[in-house]
C-alpha atoms as a PDB file:
ATOM      1  CA  MET A   1       5.180 -38.217  -0.533  1.00  0.00           C
ATOM      2  CA  PRO A   2       7.242 -35.890  -1.693  1.00  0.00           C
ATOM      3  CA  GLU A   3       6.002 -33.826  -4.444  1.00  0.00           C
ATOM      4  CA  SER A   4       7.196 -34.415  -8.112  1.00  0.00           C
ATOM      5  CA  LYS A   5       9.652 -32.030 -10.024  1.00  0.00           C
ATOM      6  CA  GLU A   6       6.759 -31.501 -12.419  1.00  0.00           C
ATOM      7  CA  ILE A   7       4.743 -30.121  -9.454  1.00  0.00           C
ATOM      8  CA  GLN A   8       7.112 -28.210  -7.774  1.00  0.00           C
ATOM      9  CA  GLU A   9       8.416 -26.633 -11.132  1.00  0.00           C
ATOM     10  CA  LEU A  10       3.766 -26.126 -11.696  1.00  0.00           C
ATOM     11  CA  ILE A  11       4.164 -24.155  -8.313  1.00  0.00           C
ATOM     12  CA  LEU A  12       7.017 -22.147  -8.648  1.00  0.00           C
ATOM     13  CA  ARG A  13       5.101 -20.973 -12.555  1.00  0.00           C
ATOM     14  CA  ILE A  14       1.881 -20.759 -10.650  1.00  0.00           C
ATOM     15  CA  ALA A  15       3.346 -18.512  -8.387  1.00  0.00           C
ATOM     16  CA  LYS A  16       5.417 -16.281 -10.666  1.00  0.00           C
ATOM     17  CA  ILE A  17       2.485 -16.270 -13.103  1.00  0.00           C
ATOM     18  CA  ILE A  18       0.179 -14.445  -9.894  1.00  0.00           C
ATOM     19  CA  ILE A  19       3.218 -12.131  -8.273  1.00  0.00           C
ATOM     20  CA  ASP A  20       3.445 -10.354 -11.799  1.00  0.00           C
ATOM     21  CA  GLU A  21      -0.673 -10.102 -12.225  1.00  0.00           C
ATOM     22  CA  LEU A  22      -0.887  -8.690  -9.242  1.00  0.00           C
ATOM     23  CA  LYS A  23       1.435  -7.163  -8.788  1.00  0.00           C
ATOM     24  CA  LEU A  24       2.805  -8.540  -4.741  1.00  0.00           C
ATOM     25  CA  GLU A  25       6.336  -7.102  -4.693  1.00  0.00           C
ATOM     26  CA  ASP A  26       8.502  -8.177  -1.442  1.00  0.00           C
ATOM     27  CA  ILE A  27       7.556 -12.191  -2.613  1.00  0.00           C
ATOM     28  CA  THR A  28       9.224 -13.912  -5.207  1.00  0.00           C
ATOM     29  CA  PRO A  29       8.022 -17.508  -5.717  1.00  0.00           C
ATOM     30  CA  GLU A  30      10.208 -19.548  -4.160  1.00  0.00           C
ATOM     31  CA  LYS A  31       9.286 -18.407  -0.863  1.00  0.00           C
ATOM     32  CA  PHE A  32       5.333 -17.948  -1.943  1.00  0.00           C
ATOM     33  CA  ASP A  33       3.333 -20.663   1.058  1.00  0.00           C
ATOM     34  CA  PRO A  34       1.893 -22.798  -1.956  1.00  0.00           C
ATOM     35  CA  ASP A  35      -0.919 -24.004  -0.067  1.00  0.00           C
ATOM     36  CA  MET A  36      -1.058 -19.771   1.274  1.00  0.00           C
ATOM     37  CA  ASP A  37      -5.347 -19.554   0.968  1.00  0.00           C
ATOM     38  CA  LEU A  38      -5.542 -16.662  -1.592  1.00  0.00           C
ATOM     39  CA  VAL A  39      -8.912 -15.309  -1.378  1.00  0.00           C
ATOM     40  CA  ASP A  40      -9.130 -15.047   2.837  1.00  0.00           C
ATOM     41  CA  GLU A  41      -4.762 -15.071   3.488  1.00  0.00           C
ATOM     42  CA  LEU A  42      -3.900 -12.872   0.363  1.00  0.00           C
ATOM     43  CA  GLY A  43      -6.937 -10.787  -0.483  1.00  0.00           C
ATOM     44  CA  VAL A  44      -7.315 -11.240  -4.097  1.00  0.00           C
ATOM     45  CA  ASP A  45     -10.523 -10.698  -5.931  1.00  0.00           C
ATOM     46  CA  SER A  46     -12.664 -13.114  -7.745  1.00  0.00           C
ATOM     47  CA  MET A  47     -11.589 -10.902 -11.217  1.00  0.00           C
ATOM     48  CA  ASP A  48      -7.554 -11.091 -10.063  1.00  0.00           C
ATOM     49  CA  LEU A  49      -8.320 -14.517 -10.307  1.00  0.00           C
ATOM     50  CA  ALA A  50     -10.139 -14.539 -13.266  1.00  0.00           C
ATOM     51  CA  THR A  51      -6.944 -12.937 -15.239  1.00  0.00           C
ATOM     52  CA  VAL A  52      -4.979 -15.144 -13.835  1.00  0.00           C
ATOM     53  CA  ALA A  53      -6.856 -18.035 -14.931  1.00  0.00           C
ATOM     54  CA  LEU A  54      -6.378 -17.250 -18.405  1.00  0.00           C
ATOM     55  CA  VAL A  55      -2.968 -16.255 -18.491  1.00  0.00           C
ATOM     56  CA  LEU A  56      -2.982 -20.180 -17.198  1.00  0.00           C
ATOM     57  CA  GLN A  57      -5.191 -21.447 -20.052  1.00  0.00           C
ATOM     58  CA  ASP A  58      -3.186 -19.155 -22.530  1.00  0.00           C
ATOM     59  CA  GLU A  59       0.155 -20.724 -21.223  1.00  0.00           C
ATOM     60  CA  TYR A  60      -0.638 -24.683 -20.075  1.00  0.00           C
ATOM     61  CA  GLY A  61      -3.641 -24.981 -22.983  1.00  0.00           C
ATOM     62  CA  VAL A  62      -6.111 -25.078 -20.908  1.00  0.00           C
ATOM     63  CA  PHE A  63      -9.731 -24.386 -20.326  1.00  0.00           C
ATOM     64  CA  ILE A  64      -9.735 -23.632 -17.022  1.00  0.00           C
ATOM     65  CA  ASP A  65     -14.227 -23.574 -15.877  1.00  0.00           C
ATOM     66  CA  GLU A  66     -15.236 -20.559 -14.392  1.00  0.00           C
ATOM     67  CA  ASP A  67     -17.666 -22.217 -12.498  1.00  0.00           C
ATOM     68  CA  ASP A  68     -14.283 -24.473 -10.496  1.00  0.00           C
ATOM     69  CA  TYR A  69     -12.374 -20.807 -10.003  1.00  0.00           C
ATOM     70  CA  PRO A  70     -12.943 -21.215  -5.630  1.00  0.00           C
ATOM     71  CA  LYS A  71     -11.827 -24.375  -6.104  1.00  0.00           C
ATOM     72  CA  LEU A  72      -8.379 -22.910  -6.839  1.00  0.00           C
ATOM     73  CA  LYS A  73      -7.724 -21.137  -3.505  1.00  0.00           C
ATOM     74  CA  SER A  74      -4.053 -21.886  -3.218  1.00  0.00           C
ATOM     75  CA  ILE A  75      -1.021 -22.269  -5.275  1.00  0.00           C
ATOM     76  CA  ARG A  76      -0.949 -26.039  -4.615  1.00  0.00           C
ATOM     77  CA  LEU A  77      -4.732 -26.587  -5.281  1.00  0.00           C
ATOM     78  CA  ILE A  78      -4.025 -24.435  -8.816  1.00  0.00           C
ATOM     79  CA  ALA A  79      -1.162 -26.799  -9.159  1.00  0.00           C
ATOM     80  CA  GLY A  80      -3.418 -29.971  -8.676  1.00  0.00           C
ATOM     81  CA  TYR A  81      -5.686 -29.031 -11.395  1.00  0.00           C
ATOM     82  CA  LEU A  82      -4.074 -27.876 -13.995  1.00  0.00           C
ATOM     83  CA  GLN A  83      -1.443 -31.605 -13.696  1.00  0.00           C
ATOM     84  CA  SER A  84      -5.269 -32.768 -13.904  1.00  0.00           C
ATOM     85  CA  ARG A  85      -6.129 -30.956 -16.897  1.00  0.00           C
ATOM     86  CA  LEU A  86      -2.730 -32.133 -18.941  1.00  0.00           C
ATOM     87  CA  GLN A  87      -3.177 -34.742 -17.955  1.00  0.00           C
ATOM     88  CA  GLY A  88      -6.852 -35.287 -18.747  1.00  0.00           C
ATOM     89  CA  ALA A  89      -5.506 -33.239 -22.743  1.00  0.00           C
ATOM     90  CA  LYS A  90      -2.358 -35.872 -23.026  1.00  0.00           C
ATOM     91  CA  GLY A  91      -5.585 -38.764 -22.806  1.00  0.00           C
END
């Protein structure tokens, strides 16, 4: 099932935030593998993840529970999590 345009845009935006916040070089949001394990494959630590979560909270106006951080292992998982939070906020 192809992803919605909304999810694709969310994935690109999250990738850009991660690239900017973690100062990653030689990678663009379009080239960032949304299924890459941020902790195991990219070496993101809990402080980096907390920073990214705070930026996402500010940008999207949603609360990301610290207990949920371990679930946010890839850009695709973060996008799904954010989308469910955003839909919950609208409902």
